[in-house]
Amino acid sequence: MSYLLGIDLGTSSVKSLIIDTEGHIISVGQEDYDFDIPQIGYAENDPMVWWNATKNTIRTALAKGKIIPSEIKGIGFSGQMHGLVAVDKNGQVVRKGIIWADQRSSEQINFVKEKIGLEKFSKVTLNAPATGFMLLSLLWVKDNEPENYRKINKVMMPKDFIRMKLTGKIGTESVDASSSVAFDTAGRHWAWELIDELGLERDLFPECKEACDIAGEIISEAAEETGLTVGTPVVYGGGDQPMQSVGNGLVRPGYVASNIGTASQIACCVDRPVYDPQLRTNTFCHADKNIWTILGASLNGGIAQKWLRDNIFYKESYKKLDAEAETIEPGSEGLIFLPYLCGERTPCLDPLSRGIFFGLTIKHTQAHMVRAVMEGMVFSLKDGLEIFNSLGVTTDKIIASGGGAKSPLLLQMQADVFEQDIYTTESKEQASFGAAICAGVGVGIYDSLAAACDQLIVMSPVVTHPIPENSKVYRQRYQVYKQLYGRNKDLFSLL
């Protein structure tokens, strides 16, 4: 038998998924971890925590599937985007990784705007400079940790560190690199002119390829630690959102992915590098070198539910929270939640924005708060969808993924708020599934990403249709929701 391994390095867990070449999921290994918040606005993780967890999940997946390691024909990656991992000349971590949720680099954003100008910068990167993005985090290290900066030999994205540990080789690819904002996204190469103007050394940035290119092979040390076979081909892979797109079959324009994970994203494939001139969305490279992904990125998806569960309602299960929310009518009897607990990116690039419960009355209960949080998460995705439509991007078919595809209540909310049918795939592990598909294309099992998706991805026969009465309520509530940020923007900075 022949199998493919997809590794998805997330913010709060890593998954290793094994599929056969017909697309059947054979086994999954998963291990959770937390990220560090050394002070308000900071978000870090030790890359060795990721590596140790990844090793465990690979061994678990092999054991659960009773897989002979030599039957793994290719390995691909999906990973949390934007983060900075810096290593020295010996491949040792210089400092903890600075991940996407970090907000410390506001001064560096101002430096980029003053040094280069926002218009010139965005025309090259197709994105705005934002906290948590690798370029800004690297500039912060240069400004605030000069000793660490001098030790850096190469910078990379989080999942690139895991691939380095497996292959002994350092590199990245256009999907994840375009999320660093040190990248010419239309040209699919590092933005050397911008890098020079910002006073960064070109040598820090590794070789950049495409998602399905072969990056290397499993080395003996990694084989001993993971149980994999020496010489197994490893492809570059990509950032988690574009890999989720592949895992959902989004390899053609017009298809939309609505993903609710720790963060949430609404994404659509386009056949040209279109971007929002107001910089409310992001444009990144797709795993297919002829396609780009336009993305409305909310920093506050499942992390808002997790905050509610862990810090307010004392670790109730998500199913229990769903059950409570279902007791409340759509619209939460006038309670609206602005879910900007980690700042926000779409539709307002503002690290100082904060969460709000608006409309609280003495009648509102825990169940109202639970439902309002879920509705606020979906309203945030609606913001991105509206921007897509304003840019002329076709959004014919919406496919839900992540936690939003596992909760019937969230599926119904998405249908009602978007006022469109919501589809799902049979696979519930889209990011790691997409990573495995890229591995299969890279080693020649499939002719192309489109051919692989047509063969492997099965849509669920269950389609969630909008309920007109619910949509009417949400249409009114959304108009109020859209005003909450603008009317409170000036107050956030006072906090």
Protein backbone atom coordinates (compact mmCIF):
# COMPACT_ATOMS: atom_id res chain seq x y z
CA MET A 1 0.00 0.00 0.00
CA SER A 2 0.98 3.62 -0.50
CA TYR A 3 0.14 6.43 1.91
CA LEU A 4 0.64 10.19 2.26
CA LEU A 5 1.29 12.13 5.48
CA GLY A 6 -0.02 15.65 6.06
CA ILE A 7 1.24 17.58 9.10
CA ASP A 8 -0.75 20.62 10.25
CA LEU A 9 1.08 22.82 12.77
CA GLY A 10 -1.63 24.97 14.33
CA THR A 11 -1.64 27.64 17.00
CA SER A 12 -2.88 25.37 19.76
CA SER A 13 -2.24 21.85 18.42
CA VAL A 14 -0.45 19.84 15.76
CA LYS A 15 -2.08 17.07 13.74
CA SER A 16 -0.47 14.33 11.67
CA LEU A 17 -2.89 12.74 9.22
CA ILE A 18 -2.29 9.70 7.05
CA ILE A 19 -4.40 9.07 3.93
CA ASP A 20 -4.22 6.41 1.27
CA THR A 21 -3.86 7.44 -2.35
CA GLU A 22 -7.64 7.15 -2.83
CA GLY A 23 -8.17 9.88 -0.22
CA HIS A 24 -9.40 7.74 2.67
CA ILE A 25 -8.26 8.97 6.08
CA ILE A 26 -6.41 6.11 7.75
CA SER A 27 -5.35 7.68 11.05
CA VAL A 28 -4.75 10.97 12.85
CA GLY A 29 -2.42 11.87 15.69
CA GLN A 30 -3.01 15.10 17.59
CA GLU A 31 -1.33 16.87 20.50
CA ASP A 32 -2.35 20.16 22.10
CA TYR A 33 -0.15 22.89 23.51
CA ASP A 34 -0.53 26.48 24.67
CA PHE A 35 1.29 29.56 23.49
CA ASP A 36 2.97 31.98 25.88
CA ILE A 37 1.74 35.48 26.72
CA PRO A 38 4.68 36.96 28.64
CA GLN A 39 2.88 40.30 28.77
CA ILE A 40 -0.25 41.85 27.30
CA GLY A 41 0.07 42.09 23.52
CA TYR A 42 2.79 39.42 23.23
CA ALA A 43 2.30 35.92 21.82
CA GLU A 44 5.21 33.46 21.59
CA ASN A 45 6.00 29.78 21.47
CA ASP A 46 9.13 27.68 21.73
CA PRO A 47 9.59 25.92 18.35
CA MET A 48 10.93 22.88 20.18
CA VAL A 49 7.48 22.50 21.78
CA TRP A 50 6.10 22.23 18.24
CA TRP A 51 8.78 19.74 17.23
CA ASN A 52 8.32 17.49 20.25
CA ALA A 53 4.56 17.47 19.76
CA THR A 54 4.95 16.77 16.04
CA LYS A 55 7.19 13.77 16.72
CA ASN A 56 4.59 12.34 19.06
CA THR A 57 1.72 12.79 16.59
CA ILE A 58 3.65 11.15 13.75
CA ARG A 59 4.35 8.10 15.90
CA THR A 60 0.72 8.05 17.03
CA ALA A 61 -0.61 8.21 13.46
CA LEU A 62 1.73 5.44 12.31
CA ALA A 63 0.74 3.24 15.24
CA LYS A 64 -3.01 3.86 15.03
CA GLY A 65 -3.01 3.17 11.30
CA LYS A 66 -0.68 0.17 11.64
CA ILE A 67 1.36 1.74 8.86
CA ILE A 68 4.70 0.37 7.75
CA PRO A 69 6.77 3.60 7.61
CA SER A 70 8.27 2.78 4.21
CA GLU A 71 4.73 2.87 2.79
CA ILE A 72 4.62 6.63 3.39
CA LYS A 73 5.44 7.96 -0.10
CA GLY A 74 5.37 11.67 0.60
CA ILE A 75 4.99 14.22 3.42
CA GLY A 76 3.43 17.67 3.20
CA PHE A 77 2.83 20.56 5.58
CA SER A 78 0.24 23.07 6.67
CA GLY A 79 1.15 25.64 9.27
CA GLN A 80 0.01 28.68 11.20
CA MET A 81 0.89 31.69 9.10
CA HIS A 82 2.84 34.93 9.59
CA GLY A 83 5.01 33.92 12.55
CA LEU A 84 8.76 34.43 12.93
CA VAL A 85 11.17 31.62 13.75
CA ALA A 86 14.82 32.64 13.80
CA VAL A 87 17.74 30.19 13.87
CA ASP A 88 21.49 30.60 14.09
CA LYS A 89 24.15 29.14 11.77
CA ASN A 90 23.82 25.78 13.55
CA GLY A 91 20.05 25.65 13.10
CA GLN A 92 19.43 26.36 16.78
CA VAL A 93 16.54 28.59 17.80
CA VAL A 94 17.73 32.11 18.67
CA ARG A 95 14.62 33.07 20.65
CA LYS A 96 11.04 31.90 21.06
CA GLY A 97 8.96 32.16 17.93
CA ILE A 98 6.78 35.27 17.64
CA ILE A 99 3.41 34.07 16.34
CA TRP A 100 0.55 35.66 14.40
CA ALA A 101 -1.40 36.80 17.49
CA ASP A 102 1.47 39.02 18.67
CA GLN A 103 0.80 42.79 18.73
CA ARG A 104 4.10 44.25 19.90
CA SER A 105 5.32 45.72 16.59
CA SER A 106 3.16 48.85 16.21
CA GLU A 107 6.22 51.11 16.16
CA GLN A 108 7.74 49.02 13.39
CA ILE A 109 4.56 49.47 11.33
CA ASN A 110 4.99 53.24 11.61
CA PHE A 111 8.64 52.86 10.57
CA VAL A 112 7.64 50.93 7.43
CA LYS A 113 5.01 53.51 6.54
CA GLU A 114 7.47 56.39 7.00
CA LYS A 115 10.41 54.68 5.28
CA ILE A 116 8.61 53.22 2.27
CA GLY A 117 5.07 54.57 2.23
CA LEU A 118 1.94 52.47 2.56
CA GLU A 119 0.95 52.72 -1.10
CA LYS A 120 4.33 51.59 -2.43
CA PHE A 121 4.56 48.83 0.15
CA SER A 122 1.09 47.43 -0.52
CA LYS A 123 1.50 47.48 -4.30
CA VAL A 124 4.39 45.04 -3.90
CA THR A 125 3.16 42.86 -1.04
CA LEU A 126 -0.60 43.24 -1.83
CA ASN A 127 -1.03 43.53 1.94
CA ALA A 128 -0.72 46.07 4.70
CA PRO A 129 2.03 45.82 7.31
CA ALA A 130 0.47 44.30 10.41
CA THR A 131 1.49 43.14 13.86
CA GLY A 132 2.24 39.44 14.06
CA PHE A 133 3.60 39.30 10.49
CA MET A 134 7.15 38.03 10.16
CA LEU A 135 8.65 41.18 8.65
CA LEU A 136 7.37 43.40 11.47
CA SER A 137 8.40 40.92 14.15
CA LEU A 138 11.89 40.73 12.66
CA LEU A 139 12.18 44.52 12.68
CA TRP A 140 11.07 44.47 16.34
CA VAL A 141 13.83 41.98 17.20
CA LYS A 142 16.37 44.17 15.39
CA ASP A 143 15.25 47.25 17.32
CA ASN A 144 14.75 45.68 20.75
CA GLU A 145 16.99 42.60 20.90
CA PRO A 146 20.12 43.51 18.94
CA GLU A 147 22.15 40.67 20.46
CA ASN A 148 19.59 38.13 19.29
CA TYR A 149 19.35 39.81 15.90
CA ARG A 150 23.09 39.47 15.36
CA LYS A 151 22.83 35.71 16.03
CA ILE A 152 20.22 35.14 13.32
CA ASN A 153 21.38 33.21 10.28
CA LYS A 154 17.97 32.51 8.73
CA VAL A 155 14.34 33.36 9.37
CA MET A 156 11.42 31.12 8.53
CA MET A 157 7.75 30.48 9.19
CA PRO A 158 6.65 28.08 11.99
CA LYS A 159 6.02 24.98 9.85
CA ASP A 160 9.36 25.54 8.06
CA PHE A 161 11.10 24.79 11.36
CA ILE A 162 9.43 21.37 11.53
CA ARG A 163 10.41 20.64 7.94
CA MET A 164 13.99 21.68 8.75
CA LYS A 165 14.08 19.22 11.64
CA LEU A 166 12.85 16.45 9.32
CA THR A 167 15.09 17.17 6.33
CA GLY A 168 18.02 19.14 7.73
CA LYS A 169 17.35 21.82 5.08
CA ILE A 170 16.13 25.38 5.50
CA GLY A 171 13.65 26.84 3.02
CA THR A 172 10.16 28.18 2.51
CA GLU A 173 7.60 28.55 -0.26
CA SER A 174 5.52 31.29 -1.82
CA VAL A 175 2.28 30.50 0.05
CA ASP A 176 3.67 31.10 3.53
CA ALA A 177 6.30 33.62 2.43
CA SER A 178 3.57 35.87 0.98
CA SER A 179 2.09 36.03 4.48
CA SER A 180 5.34 37.49 5.83
CA VAL A 181 4.80 40.85 4.01
CA ALA A 182 8.45 40.70 2.95
CA PHE A 183 7.30 39.22 -0.36
CA ASP A 184 6.42 40.30 -3.89
CA THR A 185 3.12 38.44 -3.98
CA ALA A 186 2.36 38.93 -7.68
CA GLY A 187 5.91 37.99 -8.71
CA ARG A 188 6.13 35.14 -6.14
CA HIS A 189 9.61 36.02 -4.82
CA TRP A 190 11.11 37.93 -1.90
CA ALA A 191 10.59 41.71 -2.11
CA TRP A 192 14.31 42.45 -2.24
CA GLU A 193 13.95 46.18 -2.82
CA LEU A 194 11.72 46.60 0.23
CA ILE A 195 14.02 44.39 2.31
CA ASP A 196 16.99 46.58 1.31
CA GLU A 197 15.15 49.81 2.07
CA LEU A 198 14.26 48.56 5.55
CA GLY A 199 17.91 47.81 6.35
CA LEU A 200 17.54 44.04 6.59
CA GLU A 201 20.14 41.62 5.25
CA ARG A 202 19.11 39.58 2.22
CA ASP A 203 20.95 36.53 3.53
CA LEU A 204 18.44 36.18 6.37
CA PHE A 205 15.72 35.09 3.96
CA PRO A 206 15.85 31.45 2.80
CA GLU A 207 15.40 29.94 -0.63
CA CYS A 208 11.75 30.14 -1.72
CA LYS A 209 9.99 27.51 -3.85
CA GLU A 210 6.38 26.39 -4.47
CA ALA A 211 4.12 24.32 -2.21
CA CYS A 212 4.33 21.06 -4.15
CA ASP A 213 8.08 21.20 -4.85
CA ILE A 214 10.28 18.61 -3.14
CA ALA A 215 12.12 20.24 -0.22
CA GLY A 216 14.25 17.28 0.84
CA GLU A 217 14.12 13.83 2.37
CA ILE A 218 13.82 12.45 5.88
CA ILE A 219 17.26 12.36 7.51
CA SER A 220 18.45 9.62 9.85
CA GLU A 221 18.16 11.65 13.07
CA ALA A 222 14.55 12.58 12.27
CA ALA A 223 13.77 8.98 11.31
CA GLU A 224 14.94 7.79 14.72
CA GLU A 225 12.81 10.37 16.52
CA THR A 226 9.63 9.99 14.47
CA GLY A 227 9.60 6.41 13.21
CA LEU A 228 9.60 7.57 9.58
CA THR A 229 11.86 6.02 6.94
CA VAL A 230 15.11 7.67 5.86
CA GLY A 231 14.81 9.08 2.35
CA THR A 232 11.02 9.65 2.37
CA PRO A 233 10.33 12.71 0.14
CA VAL A 234 9.13 15.88 1.84
CA VAL A 235 7.42 18.74 -0.01
CA TYR A 236 7.38 22.36 1.11
CA GLY A 237 3.66 22.63 1.88
CA GLY A 238 2.10 25.97 2.79
CA GLY A 239 0.28 28.17 5.25
CA ASP A 240 -2.76 26.68 6.93
CA GLN A 241 -5.45 28.78 5.30
CA PRO A 242 -4.39 28.04 1.70
CA MET A 243 -3.89 24.39 2.68
CA GLN A 244 -7.43 24.35 4.05
CA SER A 245 -8.51 25.73 0.69
CA VAL A 246 -6.84 22.80 -1.05
CA GLY A 247 -8.39 20.38 1.44
CA ASN A 248 -11.80 21.85 0.61
CA GLY A 249 -11.21 21.65 -3.14
CA LEU A 250 -10.75 25.39 -3.59
CA VAL A 251 -8.48 25.29 -6.61
CA ARG A 252 -10.75 27.24 -8.97
CA PRO A 253 -12.19 30.79 -8.82
CA GLY A 254 -15.68 31.22 -7.37
CA TYR A 255 -15.39 28.80 -4.46
CA VAL A 256 -15.26 30.28 -0.95
CA ALA A 257 -13.98 28.72 2.26
CA SER A 258 -15.49 29.88 5.54
CA ASN A 259 -13.14 28.61 8.21
CA ILE A 260 -13.65 28.94 11.94
CA GLY A 261 -10.56 27.83 13.82
CA THR A 262 -8.58 29.56 16.56
CA ALA A 263 -8.68 32.50 14.18
CA SER A 264 -11.26 32.62 11.40
CA GLN A 265 -10.96 33.31 7.70
CA ILE A 266 -13.18 33.79 4.69
CA ALA A 267 -11.18 32.99 1.57
CA CYS A 268 -11.67 32.78 -2.19
CA CYS A 269 -9.44 31.68 -5.08
CA VAL A 270 -8.73 34.22 -7.83
CA ASP A 271 -6.83 33.77 -11.08
CA ARG A 272 -5.11 37.14 -10.79
CA PRO A 273 -3.39 38.86 -7.84
CA VAL A 274 -6.29 41.16 -6.96
CA TYR A 275 -6.18 43.05 -3.67
CA ASP A 276 -8.28 45.50 -1.72
CA PRO A 277 -6.90 49.06 -2.15
CA GLN A 278 -8.25 49.88 1.31
CA LEU A 279 -6.17 46.96 2.67
CA ARG A 280 -9.02 45.43 4.63
CA THR A 281 -8.17 41.97 3.30
CA ASN A 282 -5.03 39.99 2.51
CA THR A 283 -3.87 38.52 -0.79
CA PHE A 284 -1.54 35.53 -0.61
CA CYS A 285 -0.12 33.03 -3.04
CA HIS A 286 -2.06 29.79 -3.48
CA ALA A 287 -0.52 26.32 -3.58
CA ASP A 288 -1.20 26.36 -7.34
CA LYS A 289 1.36 28.76 -8.81
CA ASN A 290 -1.25 30.21 -11.17
CA ILE A 291 -3.74 31.09 -8.43
CA TRP A 292 -3.87 33.52 -5.53
CA THR A 293 -6.01 33.56 -2.39
CA ILE A 294 -7.86 36.64 -1.23
CA LEU A 295 -8.50 36.40 2.46
CA GLY A 296 -10.60 38.16 5.03
CA ALA A 297 -8.79 37.28 8.24
CA SER A 298 -10.44 37.61 11.62
CA LEU A 299 -8.06 37.16 14.54
CA ASN A 300 -10.96 36.19 16.75
CA GLY A 301 -12.66 32.95 15.83
CA GLY A 302 -12.66 29.94 18.10
CA ILE A 303 -10.30 31.79 20.42
CA ALA A 304 -13.33 33.85 21.51
CA GLN A 305 -15.25 30.67 22.36
CA LYS A 306 -12.21 29.29 24.15
CA TRP A 307 -11.92 32.51 26.16
CA LEU A 308 -15.59 32.23 27.14
CA ARG A 309 -15.25 28.54 28.03
CA ASP A 310 -11.98 28.76 29.97
CA ASN A 311 -12.19 32.14 31.67
CA ILE A 312 -15.88 32.87 32.13
CA PHE A 313 -17.75 29.56 32.26
CA TYR A 314 -15.03 27.38 33.76
CA LYS A 315 -14.12 24.91 31.04
CA GLU A 316 -17.55 23.75 29.97
CA SER A 317 -17.36 21.61 26.83
CA TYR A 318 -18.05 23.23 23.46
CA LYS A 319 -21.00 20.87 23.00
CA LYS A 320 -22.46 22.11 26.26
CA LEU A 321 -22.01 25.70 25.12
CA ASP A 322 -23.71 24.90 21.80
CA ALA A 323 -26.63 23.32 23.65
CA GLU A 324 -27.06 26.45 25.76
CA ALA A 325 -26.88 28.72 22.71
CA GLU A 326 -29.56 26.69 20.95
CA THR A 327 -32.03 27.63 23.70
CA ILE A 328 -31.83 31.27 22.59
CA GLU A 329 -33.52 32.74 19.51
CA PRO A 330 -31.37 34.12 16.66
CA GLY A 331 -30.19 37.63 17.47
CA SER A 332 -29.68 36.82 21.18
CA GLU A 333 -32.56 39.14 22.14
CA GLY A 334 -30.56 42.22 21.20
CA LEU A 335 -27.19 41.20 22.66
CA ILE A 336 -24.34 41.72 20.18
CA PHE A 337 -20.71 40.73 20.63
CA LEU A 338 -17.82 42.48 18.91
CA PRO A 339 -15.18 39.71 19.00
CA TYR A 340 -11.99 41.76 18.84
CA LEU A 341 -10.25 40.14 21.81
CA CYS A 342 -6.88 40.01 20.00
CA GLY A 343 -7.21 43.25 18.07
CA GLU A 344 -8.43 42.77 14.51
CA ARG A 345 -7.29 42.54 10.91
CA THR A 346 -10.44 42.40 8.74
CA PRO A 347 -12.24 44.73 8.25
CA CYS A 348 -10.22 47.07 10.46
CA LEU A 349 -6.48 46.63 10.76
CA ASP A 350 -6.28 47.76 14.39
CA PRO A 351 -4.28 45.96 17.11
CA LEU A 352 -5.80 48.29 19.72
CA SER A 353 -9.41 47.27 19.03
CA ARG A 354 -11.10 45.32 21.81
CA GLY A 355 -14.13 43.12 22.45
CA ILE A 356 -17.53 44.47 23.41
CA PHE A 357 -20.78 42.99 24.68
CA PHE A 358 -23.34 45.54 23.47
CA GLY A 359 -26.98 45.66 24.50
CA LEU A 360 -26.76 43.84 27.83
CA THR A 361 -29.93 43.90 29.92
CA ILE A 362 -30.96 42.27 33.16
CA LYS A 363 -32.77 39.63 31.14
CA HIS A 364 -29.64 38.29 29.45
CA THR A 365 -28.17 35.03 30.72
CA GLN A 366 -25.10 32.90 30.19
CA ALA A 367 -26.85 31.26 27.23
CA HIS A 368 -27.40 34.65 25.59
CA MET A 369 -23.71 35.46 25.95
CA VAL A 370 -22.70 32.13 24.44
CA ARG A 371 -24.94 32.63 21.41
CA ALA A 372 -23.89 36.27 20.98
CA VAL A 373 -20.23 35.26 20.90
CA MET A 374 -20.95 32.70 18.17
CA GLU A 375 -23.00 35.21 16.18
CA GLY A 376 -20.25 37.82 16.50
CA MET A 377 -17.72 35.34 15.10
CA VAL A 378 -19.92 34.80 12.03
CA PHE A 379 -20.64 38.52 11.60
CA SER A 380 -16.87 39.03 11.46
CA LEU A 381 -16.66 36.60 8.52
CA LYS A 382 -19.58 38.40 6.86
CA ASP A 383 -17.42 41.54 6.87
CA GLY A 384 -14.88 39.79 4.65
CA LEU A 385 -17.50 38.38 2.31
CA GLU A 386 -18.94 41.84 1.73
CA ILE A 387 -15.50 43.18 0.83
CA PHE A 388 -15.01 40.36 -1.69
CA ASN A 389 -18.28 41.28 -3.35
CA SER A 390 -17.24 44.94 -3.52
CA LEU A 391 -14.08 43.90 -5.40
CA GLY A 392 -16.05 41.94 -7.97
CA VAL A 393 -14.83 38.58 -6.65
CA THR A 394 -17.25 35.76 -7.42
CA THR A 395 -18.55 33.88 -4.36
CA ASP A 396 -20.79 31.21 -5.84
CA LYS A 397 -20.30 28.34 -3.40
CA ILE A 398 -19.40 28.56 0.30
CA ILE A 399 -17.72 25.58 1.97
CA ALA A 400 -17.45 25.60 5.76
CA SER A 401 -14.38 24.17 7.44
CA GLY A 402 -12.65 24.03 10.82
CA GLY A 403 -14.73 24.08 13.98
CA GLY A 404 -17.46 25.88 12.07
CA ALA A 405 -18.05 22.75 10.00
CA LYS A 406 -18.38 20.48 13.04
CA SER A 407 -21.09 22.45 14.84
CA PRO A 408 -24.61 22.22 13.31
CA LEU A 409 -25.45 25.48 15.05
CA LEU A 410 -22.51 27.34 13.54
CA LEU A 411 -23.34 25.89 10.11
CA GLN A 412 -26.89 27.23 10.41
CA MET A 413 -25.62 30.61 11.62
CA GLN A 414 -23.33 30.88 8.61
CA ALA A 415 -26.15 30.01 6.21
CA ASP A 416 -28.48 32.52 7.88
CA VAL A 417 -25.95 35.36 8.12
CA PHE A 418 -24.42 34.88 4.65
CA GLU A 419 -27.86 34.13 3.17
CA GLN A 420 -26.34 31.34 1.09
CA ASP A 421 -26.28 27.56 1.16
CA ILE A 422 -23.38 26.14 3.18
CA TYR A 423 -21.56 23.02 2.01
CA THR A 424 -19.04 20.82 3.79
CA THR A 425 -16.65 18.12 2.72
CA GLU A 426 -16.64 14.60 4.11
CA SER A 427 -13.15 15.22 5.46
CA LYS A 428 -13.08 17.23 8.69
CA GLU A 429 -9.30 17.72 8.70
CA GLN A 430 -8.98 19.99 5.68
CA ALA A 431 -5.62 21.62 6.40
CA SER A 432 -3.70 18.39 6.96
CA PHE A 433 -5.66 16.77 4.12
CA GLY A 434 -4.57 19.60 1.81
CA ALA A 435 -0.99 19.13 2.97
CA ALA A 436 -1.19 15.42 2.11
CA ILE A 437 -2.61 16.26 -1.33
CA CYS A 438 0.34 18.59 -2.00
CA ALA A 439 2.67 15.75 -1.03
CA GLY A 440 0.93 13.48 -3.52
CA VAL A 441 1.27 16.03 -6.32
CA GLY A 442 4.91 16.64 -5.40
CA VAL A 443 5.90 12.97 -5.62
CA GLY A 444 3.95 12.45 -8.86
CA ILE A 445 1.00 10.38 -7.63
CA TYR A 446 -1.39 13.03 -8.99
CA ASP A 447 -0.92 15.16 -12.11
CA SER A 448 -2.04 18.44 -10.56
CA LEU A 449 -3.79 19.94 -7.55
CA ALA A 450 -7.02 20.26 -9.51
CA ALA A 451 -6.87 16.62 -10.62
CA ALA A 452 -6.10 15.48 -7.09
CA CYS A 453 -8.97 17.47 -5.58
CA ASP A 454 -11.41 16.20 -8.22
CA GLN A 455 -10.39 12.65 -7.37
CA LEU A 456 -10.08 12.81 -3.59
CA ILE A 457 -12.45 15.39 -2.15
CA VAL A 458 -16.00 14.23 -1.50
CA MET A 459 -18.71 16.77 -0.69
CA SER A 460 -21.16 15.91 2.05
CA PRO A 461 -24.71 15.31 0.79
CA VAL A 462 -25.98 17.46 3.66
CA VAL A 463 -26.39 21.10 2.67
CA THR A 464 -27.37 23.76 5.23
CA HIS A 465 -29.92 26.18 3.78
CA PRO A 466 -30.62 29.66 5.16
CA ILE A 467 -33.83 30.10 7.15
CA PRO A 468 -35.48 33.31 5.85
CA GLU A 469 -36.84 34.41 9.23
CA ASN A 470 -33.39 34.04 10.82
CA SER A 471 -31.72 35.88 7.97
CA LYS A 472 -34.12 38.80 8.43
CA VAL A 473 -33.13 39.10 12.09
CA TYR A 474 -29.41 38.81 11.34
CA ARG A 475 -29.63 41.37 8.55
CA GLN A 476 -30.84 43.95 11.09
CA ARG A 477 -28.39 42.91 13.83
CA TYR A 478 -25.47 43.00 11.39
CA GLN A 479 -26.18 46.64 10.58
CA VAL A 480 -25.80 47.46 14.28
CA TYR A 481 -22.73 45.22 14.59
CA LYS A 482 -20.98 47.03 11.72
CA GLN A 483 -21.21 50.34 13.59
CA LEU A 484 -19.75 49.15 16.90
CA TYR A 485 -16.10 49.41 15.90
CA GLY A 486 -16.35 52.82 14.24
CA ARG A 487 -18.26 54.37 17.12
CA ASN A 488 -15.78 53.08 19.71
CA LYS A 489 -12.50 53.26 17.77
CA ASP A 490 -11.22 56.39 19.51
CA LEU A 491 -11.94 54.94 22.93
CA PHE A 492 -9.85 51.78 22.45
CA SER A 493 -6.58 53.72 22.45
CA LEU A 494 -7.46 55.18 25.86
CA LEU A 495 -7.30 51.68 27.37
